[in-house]
Amino acid sequence: MKTELRELVQELEQAFNETVCESDRIASVLADIKSRGYDVLLALDVTIGVTAAETAQNHLEPKPVVETKGELALTAHDQDFLQALNISAA
């Protein structure tokens, strides 16, 4: 990976970290857990994939990997999987 791109990816990782750390909602939930007598370790894994964009010479427009309009349809299997991970699917 080129140095310039590596630096931009690191900047993006830092932006994710800062956003999580500055989130009032996350801080509130963590404080609630701690107030109930639990210690909390929050570890997030952010995977960033970077590929070269298609050039205009190819006359191809990049297509989104996932396109949503704010709603996601989950199957019963999806919900069971999320529940097994203690993630609310609601």
N, C-alpha and C. Protein backbone atom coordinates (compact mmCIF):
# COMPACT_ATOMS: atom_id res chain seq x y z
N MET A 1 0.86 -1.18 0.00
CA MET A 1 0.00 0.00 0.00
C MET A 1 0.90 1.24 0.00
N LYS A 2 0.56 2.19 -0.82
CA LYS A 2 1.34 3.43 -0.89
C LYS A 2 1.28 4.18 0.44
N THR A 3 2.36 4.89 0.74
CA THR A 3 2.45 5.63 2.01
C THR A 3 1.31 6.60 2.17
N GLU A 4 0.98 7.34 1.11
CA GLU A 4 -0.11 8.32 1.19
C GLU A 4 -1.44 7.64 1.51
N LEU A 5 -1.71 6.53 0.85
CA LEU A 5 -2.96 5.80 1.10
C LEU A 5 -2.96 5.22 2.51
N ARG A 6 -1.83 4.68 2.95
CA ARG A 6 -1.73 4.12 4.30
C ARG A 6 -2.03 5.20 5.34
N GLU A 7 -1.51 6.40 5.13
CA GLU A 7 -1.77 7.50 6.05
C GLU A 7 -3.24 7.88 6.07
N LEU A 8 -3.89 7.88 4.92
CA LEU A 8 -5.32 8.20 4.85
C LEU A 8 -6.15 7.13 5.55
N VAL A 9 -5.79 5.87 5.39
CA VAL A 9 -6.50 4.78 6.06
C VAL A 9 -6.32 4.91 7.57
N GLN A 10 -5.11 5.24 8.02
CA GLN A 10 -4.87 5.45 9.45
C GLN A 10 -5.68 6.62 9.97
N GLU A 11 -5.80 7.67 9.17
CA GLU A 11 -6.62 8.82 9.56
C GLU A 11 -8.09 8.41 9.69
N LEU A 12 -8.55 7.56 8.78
CA LEU A 12 -9.92 7.07 8.85
C LEU A 12 -10.13 6.22 10.11
N GLU A 13 -9.18 5.35 10.42
CA GLU A 13 -9.26 4.55 11.64
C GLU A 13 -9.34 5.45 12.87
N GLN A 14 -8.52 6.50 12.89
CA GLN A 14 -8.52 7.43 14.02
C GLN A 14 -9.87 8.15 14.10
N ALA A 15 -10.45 8.50 12.97
CA ALA A 15 -11.75 9.18 12.96
C ALA A 15 -12.84 8.27 13.54
N PHE A 16 -12.80 6.97 13.21
CA PHE A 16 -13.75 6.03 13.80
C PHE A 16 -13.58 5.98 15.31
N ASN A 17 -12.35 5.86 15.75
CA ASN A 17 -12.05 5.78 17.18
C ASN A 17 -12.55 7.03 17.91
N GLU A 18 -12.25 8.19 17.37
CA GLU A 18 -12.68 9.44 18.00
C GLU A 18 -14.20 9.55 18.04
N THR A 19 -14.85 9.12 16.98
CA THR A 19 -16.30 9.18 16.93
C THR A 19 -16.93 8.32 18.01
N VAL A 20 -16.40 7.12 18.19
CA VAL A 20 -16.91 6.22 19.23
C VAL A 20 -16.64 6.83 20.60
N CYS A 21 -15.43 7.32 20.81
CA CYS A 21 -15.06 7.88 22.12
C CYS A 21 -15.88 9.12 22.47
N GLU A 22 -16.28 9.88 21.47
CA GLU A 22 -17.01 11.12 21.71
C GLU A 22 -18.53 10.93 21.72
N SER A 23 -18.99 9.71 21.50
CA SER A 23 -20.42 9.45 21.42
C SER A 23 -21.06 9.53 22.81
N ASP A 24 -21.99 10.45 22.97
CA ASP A 24 -22.72 10.57 24.23
C ASP A 24 -23.55 9.32 24.52
N ARG A 25 -24.11 8.74 23.49
CA ARG A 25 -24.93 7.53 23.65
C ARG A 25 -24.09 6.37 24.16
N ILE A 26 -22.94 6.16 23.56
CA ILE A 26 -22.06 5.07 24.00
C ILE A 26 -21.58 5.33 25.41
N ALA A 27 -21.19 6.56 25.71
CA ALA A 27 -20.74 6.90 27.06
C ALA A 27 -21.84 6.65 28.08
N SER A 28 -23.07 6.96 27.72
CA SER A 28 -24.20 6.76 28.62
C SER A 28 -24.42 5.28 28.92
N VAL A 29 -24.39 4.46 27.89
CA VAL A 29 -24.60 3.02 28.07
C VAL A 29 -23.45 2.41 28.88
N LEU A 30 -22.22 2.81 28.58
CA LEU A 30 -21.07 2.31 29.34
C LEU A 30 -21.17 2.71 30.81
N ALA A 31 -21.57 3.95 31.07
CA ALA A 31 -21.73 4.41 32.44
C ALA A 31 -22.83 3.62 33.15
N ASP A 32 -23.90 3.31 32.45
CA ASP A 32 -25.00 2.53 33.02
C ASP A 32 -24.51 1.13 33.40
N ILE A 33 -23.74 0.52 32.53
CA ILE A 33 -23.20 -0.82 32.83
C ILE A 33 -22.29 -0.76 34.05
N LYS A 34 -21.41 0.25 34.09
CA LYS A 34 -20.48 0.40 35.22
C LYS A 34 -21.24 0.67 36.52
N SER A 35 -22.33 1.44 36.45
CA SER A 35 -23.10 1.76 37.65
C SER A 35 -23.78 0.52 38.23
N ARG A 36 -23.92 -0.51 37.42
CA ARG A 36 -24.54 -1.76 37.88
C ARG A 36 -23.50 -2.75 38.39
N GLY A 37 -22.25 -2.26 38.53
CA GLY A 37 -21.21 -3.07 39.14
C GLY A 37 -20.38 -3.91 38.18
N TYR A 38 -20.39 -3.58 36.91
CA TYR A 38 -19.61 -4.34 35.94
C TYR A 38 -18.47 -3.49 35.39
N ASP A 39 -17.35 -4.15 35.11
CA ASP A 39 -16.28 -3.50 34.37
C ASP A 39 -16.55 -3.72 32.89
N VAL A 40 -16.16 -2.77 32.07
CA VAL A 40 -16.45 -2.86 30.65
C VAL A 40 -15.16 -2.73 29.86
N LEU A 41 -15.00 -3.63 28.90
CA LEU A 41 -13.92 -3.53 27.93
C LEU A 41 -14.60 -3.45 26.57
N LEU A 42 -14.40 -2.36 25.88
CA LEU A 42 -15.01 -2.16 24.57
C LEU A 42 -13.92 -2.27 23.52
N ALA A 43 -14.04 -3.26 22.66
CA ALA A 43 -13.08 -3.46 21.58
C ALA A 43 -13.85 -3.53 20.27
N LEU A 44 -13.51 -2.67 19.36
CA LEU A 44 -14.15 -2.65 18.06
C LEU A 44 -13.12 -3.01 17.00
N ASP A 45 -13.55 -3.75 16.00
CA ASP A 45 -12.69 -4.11 14.90
C ASP A 45 -13.26 -3.48 13.65
N VAL A 46 -12.53 -2.55 13.07
CA VAL A 46 -12.96 -1.90 11.85
C VAL A 46 -12.09 -2.41 10.71
N THR A 47 -12.72 -2.97 9.70
CA THR A 47 -12.00 -3.45 8.54
C THR A 47 -12.21 -2.46 7.41
N ILE A 48 -11.12 -1.99 6.86
CA ILE A 48 -11.20 -1.02 5.77
C ILE A 48 -10.56 -1.64 4.54
N GLY A 49 -11.33 -1.79 3.50
CA GLY A 49 -10.81 -2.32 2.24
C GLY A 49 -10.70 -1.20 1.22
N VAL A 50 -9.60 -1.15 0.54
CA VAL A 50 -9.38 -0.10 -0.44
C VAL A 50 -8.96 -0.74 -1.76
N THR A 51 -9.63 -0.35 -2.83
CA THR A 51 -9.25 -0.80 -4.17
C THR A 51 -9.18 0.40 -5.08
N ALA A 52 -8.43 0.28 -6.13
CA ALA A 52 -8.32 1.37 -7.09
C ALA A 52 -9.66 1.57 -7.78
N ALA A 53 -10.07 2.82 -7.93
CA ALA A 53 -11.33 3.14 -8.59
C ALA A 53 -11.20 2.89 -10.08
N GLU A 54 -12.33 2.59 -10.70
CA GLU A 54 -12.36 2.42 -12.15
C GLU A 54 -12.04 3.77 -12.80
N THR A 55 -11.30 3.74 -13.85
CA THR A 55 -10.97 4.99 -14.54
C THR A 55 -12.07 5.35 -15.53
N ALA A 56 -12.13 6.61 -15.89
CA ALA A 56 -13.13 7.08 -16.85
C ALA A 56 -12.91 6.44 -18.21
N GLN A 57 -11.68 5.98 -18.48
CA GLN A 57 -11.39 5.36 -19.77
C GLN A 57 -12.18 4.07 -19.95
N ASN A 58 -12.50 3.40 -18.86
CA ASN A 58 -13.25 2.14 -18.95
C ASN A 58 -14.74 2.38 -19.14
N HIS A 59 -15.18 3.60 -18.95
CA HIS A 59 -16.59 3.97 -19.08
C HIS A 59 -17.47 3.13 -18.15
N LEU A 60 -16.93 2.77 -17.01
CA LEU A 60 -17.69 2.02 -16.01
C LEU A 60 -17.85 2.88 -14.77
N GLU A 61 -19.04 2.89 -14.23
CA GLU A 61 -19.26 3.61 -12.99
C GLU A 61 -19.14 2.63 -11.84
N PRO A 62 -18.44 3.03 -10.76
CA PRO A 62 -18.36 2.12 -9.61
C PRO A 62 -19.75 1.84 -9.07
N LYS A 63 -20.00 0.61 -8.70
CA LYS A 63 -21.29 0.22 -8.16
C LYS A 63 -21.15 0.02 -6.66
N PRO A 64 -22.15 0.47 -5.90
CA PRO A 64 -22.07 0.27 -4.45
C PRO A 64 -22.14 -1.21 -4.10
N VAL A 65 -21.41 -1.59 -3.07
CA VAL A 65 -21.44 -2.97 -2.62
C VAL A 65 -22.79 -3.27 -2.00
N VAL A 66 -23.29 -2.35 -1.18
CA VAL A 66 -24.58 -2.51 -0.53
C VAL A 66 -25.34 -1.21 -0.67
N GLU A 67 -26.57 -1.29 -1.07
CA GLU A 67 -27.40 -0.09 -1.19
C GLU A 67 -28.62 -0.28 -0.30
N THR A 68 -28.81 0.63 0.64
CA THR A 68 -29.96 0.53 1.53
C THR A 68 -30.69 1.86 1.57
N LYS A 69 -31.91 1.80 2.01
CA LYS A 69 -32.70 3.00 2.19
C LYS A 69 -33.09 3.13 3.66
N GLY A 70 -32.19 2.68 4.53
CA GLY A 70 -32.42 2.82 5.96
C GLY A 70 -33.10 1.63 6.60
N GLU A 71 -33.52 0.66 5.82
CA GLU A 71 -34.14 -0.53 6.38
C GLU A 71 -33.41 -1.75 5.87
N LEU A 72 -33.39 -2.78 6.71
CA LEU A 72 -32.71 -4.00 6.37
C LEU A 72 -33.62 -5.17 6.71
N ALA A 73 -33.91 -6.00 5.75
CA ALA A 73 -34.77 -7.16 5.98
C ALA A 73 -33.91 -8.30 6.52
N LEU A 74 -34.29 -8.82 7.68
CA LEU A 74 -33.57 -9.92 8.30
C LEU A 74 -34.41 -11.19 8.27
N THR A 75 -33.76 -12.28 7.97
CA THR A 75 -34.44 -13.57 8.03
C THR A 75 -34.43 -14.04 9.48
N ALA A 76 -35.19 -15.07 9.77
CA ALA A 76 -35.20 -15.65 11.12
C ALA A 76 -33.80 -16.14 11.47
N HIS A 77 -33.10 -16.69 10.48
CA HIS A 77 -31.72 -17.16 10.70
C HIS A 77 -30.82 -15.98 11.08
N ASP A 78 -30.96 -14.86 10.37
CA ASP A 78 -30.18 -13.66 10.69
C ASP A 78 -30.43 -13.21 12.12
N GLN A 79 -31.69 -13.19 12.52
CA GLN A 79 -32.06 -12.76 13.86
C GLN A 79 -31.51 -13.70 14.92
N ASP A 80 -31.56 -15.01 14.66
CA ASP A 80 -31.00 -15.98 15.60
C ASP A 80 -29.50 -15.78 15.76
N PHE A 81 -28.83 -15.54 14.63
CA PHE A 81 -27.38 -15.32 14.66
C PHE A 81 -27.03 -14.07 15.46
N LEU A 82 -27.74 -12.98 15.21
CA LEU A 82 -27.49 -11.74 15.94
C LEU A 82 -27.79 -11.92 17.44
N GLN A 83 -28.85 -12.63 17.74
CA GLN A 83 -29.22 -12.86 19.14
C GLN A 83 -28.14 -13.69 19.83
N ALA A 84 -27.55 -14.66 19.12
CA ALA A 84 -26.48 -15.48 19.70
C ALA A 84 -25.26 -14.62 20.03
N LEU A 85 -25.11 -13.53 19.30
CA LEU A 85 -24.00 -12.60 19.56
C LEU A 85 -24.39 -11.48 20.53
N ASN A 86 -25.58 -11.61 21.10
CA ASN A 86 -26.14 -10.59 22.00
C ASN A 86 -26.29 -9.23 21.32
N ILE A 87 -26.72 -9.28 20.06
CA ILE A 87 -26.98 -8.06 19.29
C ILE A 87 -28.46 -8.01 19.01
N SER A 88 -29.09 -6.89 19.35
CA SER A 88 -30.51 -6.74 19.12
C SER A 88 -30.78 -6.54 17.64
N ALA A 89 -31.74 -7.27 17.11
CA ALA A 89 -32.11 -7.13 15.71
C ALA A 89 -33.33 -6.24 15.55
N ALA A 90 -33.75 -5.59 16.63
CA ALA A 90 -34.94 -4.75 16.57
C ALA A 90 -34.62 -3.38 16.04
